[in-house]
C-alpha atoms as a PDB file:
ATOM      1  CA  MET A   1     162.334 -18.317-200.783  1.00  0.00           C
ATOM      2  CA  LEU A   2     162.343 -19.367-204.400  1.00  0.00           C
ATOM      3  CA  THR A   3     165.691 -21.039-204.067  1.00  0.00           C
ATOM      4  CA  VAL A   4     164.276 -23.161-201.218  1.00  0.00           C
ATOM      5  CA  VAL A   5     161.221 -24.101-203.169  1.00  0.00           C
ATOM      6  CA  LEU A   6     163.360 -25.166-206.224  1.00  0.00           C
ATOM      7  CA  ILE A   7     165.699 -27.350-203.980  1.00  0.00           C
ATOM      8  CA  LEU A   8     162.745 -28.997-202.412  1.00  0.00           C
ATOM      9  CA  LEU A   9     161.177 -29.641-205.738  1.00  0.00           C
ATOM     10  CA  MET A  10     164.601 -30.979-207.119  1.00  0.00           C
ATOM     11  CA  PHE A  11     164.798 -33.434-204.270  1.00  0.00           C
ATOM     12  CA  ALA A  12     161.163 -34.415-204.453  1.00  0.00           C
ATOM     13  CA  VAL A  13     161.764 -35.424-208.238  1.00  0.00           C
ATOM     14  CA  ILE A  14     164.878 -37.390-207.250  1.00  0.00           C
ATOM     15  CA  LEU A  15     162.994 -39.127-204.416  1.00  0.00           C
ATOM     16  CA  ALA A  16     160.003 -40.040-206.840  1.00  0.00           C
ATOM     17  CA  ALA A  17     162.565 -41.188-209.513  1.00  0.00           C
ATOM     18  CA  ILE A  18     163.807 -43.786-207.004  1.00  0.00           C
ATOM     19  CA  VAL A  19     160.790 -44.771-205.126  1.00  0.00           C
ATOM     20  CA  TRP A  20     158.243 -45.020-208.022  1.00  0.00           C
ATOM     21  CA  PRO A  21     160.139 -47.560-210.157  1.00  0.00           C
ATOM     22  CA  ALA A  22     161.061 -49.573-207.160  1.00  0.00           C
ATOM     23  CA  TRP A  23     157.461 -49.674-206.062  1.00  0.00           C
ATOM     24  CA  ALA A  24     156.327 -50.547-209.648  1.00  0.00           C
ATOM     25  CA  THR A  25     158.922 -53.219-209.919  1.00  0.00           C
ATOM     26  CA  TRP A  26     157.852 -54.777-206.598  1.00  0.00           C
ATOM     27  CA  ARG A  27     153.862 -54.601-207.308  1.00  0.00           C
ATOM     28  CA  TRP A  28     153.529 -55.066-211.252  1.00  0.00           C
ATOM     29  CA  ARG A  29     153.733 -58.334-212.897  1.00  0.00           C
ATOM     30  CA  HIS A  30     155.028 -59.879-216.115  1.00  0.00           C
ATOM     31  CA  GLY A  31     156.516 -57.307-218.644  1.00  0.00           C
ATOM     32  CA  TRP A  32     155.358 -54.487-216.782  1.00  0.00           C
ATOM     33  CA  ARG A  33     157.672 -55.441-214.080  1.00  0.00           C
ATOM     34  CA  LEU A  34     160.635 -55.339-216.514  1.00  0.00           C
ATOM     35  CA  ALA A  35     159.583 -51.982-217.903  1.00  0.00           C
ATOM     36  CA  ALA A  36     159.486 -50.589-214.491  1.00  0.00           C
ATOM     37  CA  ALA A  37     162.847 -52.031-213.581  1.00  0.00           C
ATOM     38  CA  VAL A  38     164.783 -50.202-216.475  1.00  0.00           C
ATOM     39  CA  PRO A  39     164.776 -46.940-214.799  1.00  0.00           C
ATOM     40  CA  ALA A  40     165.361 -48.373-211.217  1.00  0.00           C
ATOM     41  CA  VAL A  41     168.457 -50.174-212.706  1.00  0.00           C
ATOM     42  CA  VAL A  42     169.574 -46.857-214.352  1.00  0.00           C
ATOM     43  CA  MET A  43     169.024 -44.846-211.161  1.00  0.00           C
ATOM     44  CA  GLY A  44     170.818 -47.435-209.208  1.00  0.00           C
ATOM     45  CA  PHE A  45     173.872 -47.334-211.453  1.00  0.00           C
ATOM     46  CA  VAL A  46     174.025 -43.675-211.235  1.00  0.00           C
ATOM     47  CA  LEU A  47     173.883 -43.776-207.535  1.00  0.00           C
ATOM     48  CA  LEU A  48     176.569 -46.479-207.360  1.00  0.00           C
ATOM     49  CA  ARG A  49     178.749 -44.457-209.530  1.00  0.00           C
ATOM     50  CA  ILE A  50     178.283 -41.336-207.425  1.00  0.00           C
ATOM     51  CA  VAL A  51     179.045 -43.151-204.147  1.00  0.00           C
ATOM     52  CA  PHE A  52     182.136 -45.007-205.567  1.00  0.00           C
ATOM     53  CA  GLY A  53     183.370 -41.954-207.335  1.00  0.00           C
ATOM     54  CA  ALA A  54     183.022 -39.910-204.135  1.00  0.00           C
ATOM     55  CA  MET A  55     184.940 -42.522-202.209  1.00  0.00           C
ATOM     56  CA  ILE A  56     187.909 -42.318-204.709  1.00  0.00           C
ATOM     57  CA  ASP A  57     187.917 -38.530-204.941  1.00  0.00           C
ATOM     58  CA  ALA A  58     185.549 -36.536-202.680  1.00  0.00           C
ATOM     59  CA  THR A  59     185.382 -33.531-205.253  1.00  0.00           C
ATOM     60  CA  SER A  60     184.455 -35.665-208.265  1.00  0.00           C
ATOM     61  CA  HIS A  61     180.747 -35.495-207.766  1.00  0.00           C
ATOM     62  CA  ASN A  62     180.051 -32.002-206.234  1.00  0.00           C
ATOM     63  CA  PRO A  63     177.068 -31.425-208.406  1.00  0.00           C
ATOM     64  CA  TRP A  64     175.506 -35.004-207.544  1.00  0.00           C
ATOM     65  CA  PRO A  65     172.018 -33.652-207.131  1.00  0.00           C
ATOM     66  CA  PHE A  66     172.015 -32.458-210.712  1.00  0.00           C
ATOM     67  CA  GLU A  67     173.518 -35.621-212.002  1.00  0.00           C
ATOM     68  CA  LEU A  68     170.598 -37.553-210.268  1.00  0.00           C
ATOM     69  CA  LEU A  69     168.173 -34.963-211.638  1.00  0.00           C
ATOM     70  CA  MET A  70     169.298 -35.572-215.053  1.00  0.00           C
ATOM     71  CA  VAL A  71     168.617 -39.321-214.723  1.00  0.00           C
ATOM     72  CA  GLY A  72     165.531 -38.640-212.503  1.00  0.00           C
ATOM     73  CA  VAL A  73     163.383 -36.450-214.940  1.00  0.00           C
ATOM     74  CA  PRO A  74     163.747 -39.061-218.005  1.00  0.00           C
ATOM     75  CA  SER A  75     162.943 -41.822-215.447  1.00  0.00           C
ATOM     76  CA  LEU A  76     159.855 -40.114-214.237  1.00  0.00           C
ATOM     77  CA  ILE A  77     158.626 -39.644-217.976  1.00  0.00           C
ATOM     78  CA  TRP A  78     159.383 -43.229-218.703  1.00  0.00           C
ATOM     79  CA  MET A  79     157.346 -44.333-215.671  1.00  0.00           C
ATOM     80  CA  ALA A  80     154.467 -41.942-216.519  1.00  0.00           C
ATOM     81  CA  VAL A  81     154.375 -43.193-220.095  1.00  0.00           C
ATOM     82  CA  VAL A  82     154.528 -47.037-219.017  1.00  0.00           C
ATOM     83  CA  ALA A  83     151.767 -46.500-216.356  1.00  0.00           C
ATOM     84  CA  LEU A  84     149.451 -44.810-218.848  1.00  0.00           C
ATOM     85  CA  VAL A  85     150.028 -47.477-221.408  1.00  0.00           C
ATOM     86  CA  ARG A  86     149.443 -50.107-218.636  1.00  0.00           C
ATOM     87  CA  ARG A  87     146.230 -48.364-217.535  1.00  0.00           C
ATOM     88  CA  HIS A  88     144.986 -48.026-221.197  1.00  0.00           C
ATOM     89  CA  ARG A  89     145.635 -51.683-221.852  1.00  0.00           C
ATOM     90  CA  LYS A  90     143.929 -52.756-218.347  1.00  0.00           C
ATOM     91  CA  ILE A  91     140.980 -50.759-219.347  1.00  0.00           C
ATOM     92  CA  GLU A  92     140.702 -52.543-222.736  1.00  0.00           C
ATOM     93  CA  GLY A  93     141.166 -55.917-221.049  1.00  0.00           C
ATOM     94  CA  THR A  94     144.371 -56.893-222.854  1.00  0.00           C
ATOM     95  CA  VAL A  95     146.543 -57.254-219.743  1.00  0.00           C
END
């Protein structure tokens, strides 16, 4: 049971690391859009690297969920920091 919960949590983190930066890149404006695009570009690069690597050699990316998790967690941390700074600046009226 614990294994299933951990696997679902891992995929939820990966999905959030893909969706949140994409949503913020689409919704935010000015420099905030660029700050949100950074993790989106990095995650896109990793996804493409996994897809093309698996096309060349199907066994080259067996631990692909962990590769995405290694990029996804820092992406979520980055997005959380950017969102907090953006909210703080918005409250102060400096955006």
